[in-house]
Amino acid sequence: MELTERILSAAEYLRNKLPESPRIGMILGSGLGDYAQTLEDIIRIPYSEIPNFPVPTVPGHSGALVFGRKYGLYIVILQGRIHYYEGLSQRELTLPVRVLSALGVNTIVLTNACGGVNLSFNPGDLMLISDHINFSGSNPLIGPNLDHFGPRFPDMSDLYTASLRKMIREKAEENKISLREGVYAMYSGPNYETPAEIRMFRTLGADVVGMSTVPEALVAGHCGMQVIGVSCVTNMAAGVLPVKLSHAEVMETADRVHDQFQKLLDLILTVL
């Protein structure tokens, strides 16, 4: 079965279970998935039940689509994502984003846990993504173009929609939510970056580094979606502090800033 057929098959399966089409989508990163429980009228569908859907293998990514309402919006949330280092191609791991597009989603919020590269950042900071550097070694748009979704050569000059970022910054300031803004660099993983790589990323202009988000943003842009990216700085990147990095630290920090992160997501929904 061709990729477009697989995407549309998954979308049709989901459409038959929903009261209406969602317009807003979210992908929740490591330790951030329980925001989905704040929705009303929840319909939860495990990835494993959806035809052709990839299933995550990383702790902190439960692997379910959650549909529900909040602030008058009908929303779909992906609890957990597939990472490039788990073994799928970027073309395959971004299938869920295309399924959301086929369901009618036109704005997507991508969240992640990341390492701080900018020396003025601290663990626990929240950052609005203004742009990215793709250092993963691949691209989800490689291969035959999926004409059903977008053009062969999509423009990426305003991938992380500037008008939405402006509104979110203003709302965050009004509500006294501390919010950084900067460039996200993607590294393939699964090992953490070396100190030399982090120095390189800082020289290139990256503020944070992580192992996700970029493939999803590229595909969302190809599908014509508005994209909002939010990073939670869960640790300082390799070489910044004299400590070793661990996934446990990522989860601990994500838990510590849990309430502030949820407030920011609530705020974002109020501007959409």
Protein backbone atom coordinates (compact mmCIF):
# COMPACT_ATOMS: atom_id res chain seq x y z
CA MET A 1 0.00 0.00 0.00
CA GLU A 2 1.34 3.47 -0.92
CA LEU A 3 2.11 5.91 1.88
CA THR A 4 -0.75 8.26 0.94
CA GLU A 5 -3.21 5.35 1.00
CA ARG A 6 -1.93 4.26 4.42
CA ILE A 7 -2.34 7.79 5.78
CA LEU A 8 -5.86 8.18 4.42
CA SER A 9 -6.82 4.72 5.71
CA ALA A 10 -5.72 5.64 9.24
CA ALA A 11 -7.55 8.97 9.01
CA GLU A 12 -10.77 7.27 7.86
CA TYR A 13 -10.57 4.81 10.79
CA LEU A 14 -10.30 7.74 13.22
CA ARG A 15 -12.92 9.88 11.49
CA ASN A 16 -15.50 7.16 12.04
CA LYS A 17 -14.92 7.39 15.80
CA LEU A 18 -15.17 11.17 16.16
CA PRO A 19 -18.14 13.52 16.58
CA GLU A 20 -16.40 16.23 14.51
CA SER A 21 -13.09 17.08 12.85
CA PRO A 22 -10.38 18.59 15.05
CA ARG A 23 -8.72 21.81 13.89
CA ILE A 24 -5.98 21.94 16.54
CA GLY A 25 -3.36 19.23 17.08
CA MET A 26 -0.70 18.77 19.75
CA ILE A 27 2.25 16.42 20.10
CA LEU A 28 3.41 16.09 23.70
CA GLY A 29 7.05 15.19 24.40
CA SER A 30 8.87 13.37 27.21
CA GLY A 31 7.02 13.56 30.52
CA LEU A 32 4.45 16.04 29.16
CA GLY A 33 1.69 13.69 27.99
CA ASP A 34 -0.74 14.10 30.88
CA TYR A 35 -1.92 17.49 29.59
CA ALA A 36 -4.33 15.42 27.53
CA GLN A 37 -6.22 14.59 30.72
CA THR A 38 -7.29 18.24 31.05
CA LEU A 39 -9.59 17.92 28.03
CA GLU A 40 -13.34 17.33 28.32
CA ASP A 41 -15.39 14.64 26.53
CA ILE A 42 -12.25 12.56 26.02
CA ILE A 43 -11.97 9.82 23.41
CA ARG A 44 -8.70 7.90 23.80
CA ILE A 45 -7.41 5.59 21.06
CA PRO A 46 -4.09 3.70 21.51
CA TYR A 47 -1.74 3.97 18.54
CA SER A 48 -1.67 0.17 18.41
CA GLU A 49 -5.36 0.13 17.38
CA ILE A 50 -4.95 2.57 14.49
CA PRO A 51 -4.16 1.04 11.10
CA ASN A 52 -0.61 1.74 9.88
CA PHE A 53 0.26 3.88 12.95
CA PRO A 54 3.79 3.66 14.41
CA VAL A 55 4.06 2.92 18.15
CA PRO A 56 6.67 4.65 20.41
CA THR A 57 9.15 2.62 22.46
CA VAL A 58 10.62 5.33 24.73
CA PRO A 59 9.65 5.77 28.43
CA GLY A 60 7.48 8.86 28.94
CA HIS A 61 5.66 8.39 25.60
CA SER A 62 2.45 6.48 26.27
CA GLY A 63 1.33 6.17 22.64
CA ALA A 64 -2.30 7.22 22.33
CA LEU A 65 -4.42 9.73 20.42
CA VAL A 66 -6.68 11.72 22.72
CA PHE A 67 -9.58 13.75 21.33
CA GLY A 68 -11.51 16.25 23.42
CA ARG A 69 -12.65 19.81 24.01
CA LYS A 70 -11.08 22.79 25.70
CA TYR A 71 -11.90 26.50 25.50
CA GLY A 72 -14.49 25.76 22.84
CA LEU A 73 -11.95 24.02 20.61
CA TYR A 74 -12.05 20.41 19.46
CA ILE A 75 -8.48 19.16 19.85
CA VAL A 76 -6.47 16.04 19.08
CA ILE A 77 -3.41 15.29 21.20
CA LEU A 78 -0.71 12.75 20.44
CA GLN A 79 0.54 11.41 23.76
CA GLY A 80 4.08 10.55 22.79
CA ARG A 81 5.96 10.52 19.51
CA ILE A 82 8.25 8.29 17.47
CA HIS A 83 11.89 9.38 17.38
CA TYR A 84 14.26 8.92 14.46
CA TYR A 85 16.64 6.90 16.64
CA GLU A 86 13.95 4.26 17.22
CA GLY A 87 14.68 2.92 13.74
CA LEU A 88 11.98 4.22 11.42
CA SER A 89 12.69 6.60 8.57
CA GLN A 90 11.62 10.20 9.10
CA ARG A 91 9.09 9.68 6.30
CA GLU A 92 7.49 6.88 8.34
CA LEU A 93 7.70 8.40 11.81
CA THR A 94 5.87 11.55 10.66
CA LEU A 95 2.88 9.58 9.37
CA PRO A 96 0.82 10.70 12.43
CA VAL A 97 1.25 14.38 11.44
CA ARG A 98 -0.11 13.65 7.96
CA VAL A 99 -3.01 11.74 9.49
CA LEU A 100 -3.85 14.81 11.59
CA SER A 101 -3.77 16.92 8.43
CA ALA A 102 -6.12 14.47 6.69
CA LEU A 103 -8.49 14.78 9.68
CA GLY A 104 -8.64 18.55 9.21
CA VAL A 105 -6.00 19.86 11.64
CA ASN A 106 -4.66 23.21 10.41
CA THR A 107 -2.61 24.31 13.45
CA ILE A 108 -0.23 22.06 15.37
CA VAL A 109 1.59 22.59 18.67
CA LEU A 110 4.82 20.60 18.93
CA THR A 111 6.38 20.22 22.38
CA ASN A 112 9.63 18.63 23.47
CA ALA A 113 12.14 18.22 26.26
CA CYS A 114 15.54 19.54 25.25
CA GLY A 115 19.06 20.44 26.39
CA GLY A 116 20.11 24.05 26.91
CA VAL A 117 22.87 25.24 24.56
CA ASN A 118 22.51 28.97 25.21
CA LEU A 119 24.57 29.68 28.33
CA SER A 120 21.97 32.12 29.65
CA PHE A 121 19.32 29.38 29.78
CA ASN A 122 18.54 27.25 32.85
CA PRO A 123 16.86 23.88 33.44
CA GLY A 124 13.14 24.48 33.73
CA ASP A 125 13.03 27.31 31.17
CA LEU A 126 10.30 27.22 28.53
CA MET A 127 11.22 28.34 25.01
CA LEU A 128 9.13 29.25 22.00
CA ILE A 129 10.83 27.89 18.86
CA SER A 130 11.50 30.63 16.29
CA ASP A 131 13.46 28.45 13.84
CA HIS A 132 15.40 25.20 13.66
CA ILE A 133 18.61 23.60 12.45
CA ASN A 134 18.18 20.11 11.00
CA PHE A 135 21.35 18.22 11.95
CA SER A 136 19.64 14.83 11.98
CA GLY A 137 21.17 13.67 8.70
CA SER A 138 17.81 13.12 7.03
CA ASN A 139 14.55 14.79 6.00
CA PRO A 140 10.97 13.41 6.01
CA LEU A 141 10.28 14.97 2.60
CA ILE A 142 12.90 12.82 0.86
CA GLY A 143 11.32 10.45 -1.67
CA PRO A 144 8.39 10.85 -4.04
CA ASN A 145 6.39 13.96 -3.19
CA LEU A 146 3.00 13.34 -1.59
CA ASP A 147 1.07 15.67 -3.89
CA HIS A 148 -2.13 15.13 -1.92
CA PHE A 149 -0.58 17.10 0.97
CA GLY A 150 1.76 19.72 -0.46
CA PRO A 151 4.26 20.89 -3.11
CA ARG A 152 7.58 19.28 -4.03
CA PHE A 153 9.58 22.29 -2.75
CA PRO A 154 7.76 23.81 0.23
CA ASP A 155 8.84 27.20 1.60
CA MET A 156 10.10 27.17 5.20
CA SER A 157 10.78 30.89 5.76
CA ASP A 158 7.91 31.18 8.28
CA LEU A 159 7.64 27.58 9.44
CA TYR A 160 7.10 28.49 13.12
CA THR A 161 4.32 30.97 12.40
CA ALA A 162 5.56 34.44 13.38
CA SER A 163 2.11 35.99 13.87
CA LEU A 164 1.15 33.28 16.38
CA ARG A 165 4.50 33.60 18.18
CA LYS A 166 3.90 37.33 18.63
CA MET A 167 0.47 36.74 20.17
CA ILE A 168 1.81 34.00 22.45
CA ARG A 169 4.69 36.20 23.67
CA GLU A 170 2.29 39.05 24.46
CA LYS A 171 -0.13 36.74 26.29
CA ALA A 172 2.71 35.14 28.25
CA GLU A 173 3.94 38.56 29.37
CA GLU A 174 0.42 39.60 30.40
CA ASN A 175 0.08 36.42 32.47
CA LYS A 176 3.61 36.65 33.95
CA ILE A 177 4.74 33.39 32.33
CA SER A 178 8.48 33.44 31.69
CA LEU A 179 9.05 32.44 28.07
CA ARG A 180 12.30 32.33 26.12
CA GLU A 181 12.47 32.30 22.34
CA GLY A 182 15.15 30.77 20.14
CA VAL A 183 16.48 28.21 17.70
CA TYR A 184 16.08 24.43 18.17
CA ALA A 185 18.76 22.13 16.75
CA MET A 186 17.91 18.50 16.07
CA TYR A 187 20.49 15.77 16.62
CA SER A 188 19.64 12.20 15.66
CA GLY A 189 20.46 10.51 18.98
CA PRO A 190 20.04 8.17 20.77
CA ASN A 191 23.30 9.15 22.51
CA TYR A 192 23.48 12.65 23.90
CA GLU A 193 25.64 15.10 21.99
CA THR A 194 29.34 15.47 22.75
CA PRO A 195 30.68 18.70 24.29
CA ALA A 196 32.37 19.49 20.94
CA GLU A 197 29.05 19.10 19.10
CA ILE A 198 27.37 21.41 21.60
CA ARG A 199 30.06 24.06 21.06
CA MET A 200 29.43 23.69 17.32
CA PHE A 201 25.66 24.13 17.76
CA ARG A 202 26.24 27.25 19.87
CA THR A 203 28.50 28.68 17.15
CA LEU A 204 25.81 27.93 14.55
CA GLY A 205 23.24 29.88 16.54
CA ALA A 206 21.28 27.14 18.31
CA ASP A 207 19.79 27.87 21.73
CA VAL A 208 18.64 24.33 22.56
CA VAL A 209 19.20 20.85 21.19
CA GLY A 210 17.00 17.75 21.07
CA MET A 211 16.15 14.57 19.19
CA SER A 212 12.69 15.31 17.79
CA THR A 213 10.26 17.96 16.54
CA VAL A 214 12.06 18.98 13.33
CA PRO A 215 10.69 16.13 11.13
CA GLU A 216 7.17 16.82 12.43
CA ALA A 217 7.52 20.56 11.81
CA LEU A 218 8.78 19.98 8.26
CA VAL A 219 5.86 17.69 7.44
CA ALA A 220 3.35 20.04 9.08
CA GLY A 221 4.76 22.87 6.97
CA HIS A 222 4.50 20.70 3.86
CA CYS A 223 0.84 20.07 4.72
CA GLY A 224 0.20 23.81 5.04
CA MET A 225 -0.32 23.83 8.81
CA GLN A 226 0.52 26.68 11.14
CA VAL A 227 3.23 25.44 13.53
CA ILE A 228 3.91 26.39 17.14
CA GLY A 229 6.96 24.83 18.80
CA VAL A 230 7.56 24.83 22.57
CA SER A 231 10.67 23.42 24.22
CA CYS A 232 11.14 22.64 27.89
CA VAL A 233 14.81 22.92 28.87
CA THR A 234 15.15 19.85 31.08
CA ASN A 235 18.96 19.91 31.38
CA MET A 236 21.95 21.86 30.19
CA ALA A 237 23.63 20.21 27.22
CA ALA A 238 26.88 18.25 27.37
CA GLY A 239 29.91 20.19 28.54
CA VAL A 240 27.95 23.15 29.94
CA LEU A 241 28.00 21.76 33.48
CA PRO A 242 30.41 19.19 34.98
CA VAL A 243 27.74 16.48 35.19
CA LYS A 244 26.70 13.51 33.07
CA LEU A 245 23.34 13.54 31.28
CA SER A 246 20.51 11.06 31.86
CA HIS A 247 16.91 10.50 30.77
CA ALA A 248 15.95 10.39 34.46
CA GLU A 249 17.02 14.04 34.77
CA VAL A 250 14.88 14.91 31.75
CA MET A 251 11.81 13.33 33.35
CA GLU A 252 12.48 14.91 36.77
CA THR A 253 12.72 18.43 35.35
CA ALA A 254 9.67 17.94 33.14
CA ASP A 255 7.77 16.95 36.28
CA ARG A 256 9.05 20.00 38.19
CA VAL A 257 7.82 22.49 35.57
CA HIS A 258 4.64 20.52 34.91
CA ASP A 259 2.22 23.19 36.16
CA GLN A 260 3.94 26.09 34.39
CA PHE A 261 4.04 24.10 31.15
CA GLN A 262 0.33 23.34 31.35
CA LYS A 263 -0.42 27.03 31.94
CA LEU A 264 1.53 27.89 28.80
CA LEU A 265 -0.37 25.32 26.72
CA ASP A 266 -3.64 26.71 28.06
CA LEU A 267 -2.51 30.20 27.09
CA ILE A 268 -1.60 29.03 23.58
CA LEU A 269 -5.08 27.59 23.09
CA THR A 270 -6.63 30.94 23.99
CA VAL A 271 -4.92 32.64 21.03
CA LEU A 272 -5.94 30.00 18.45
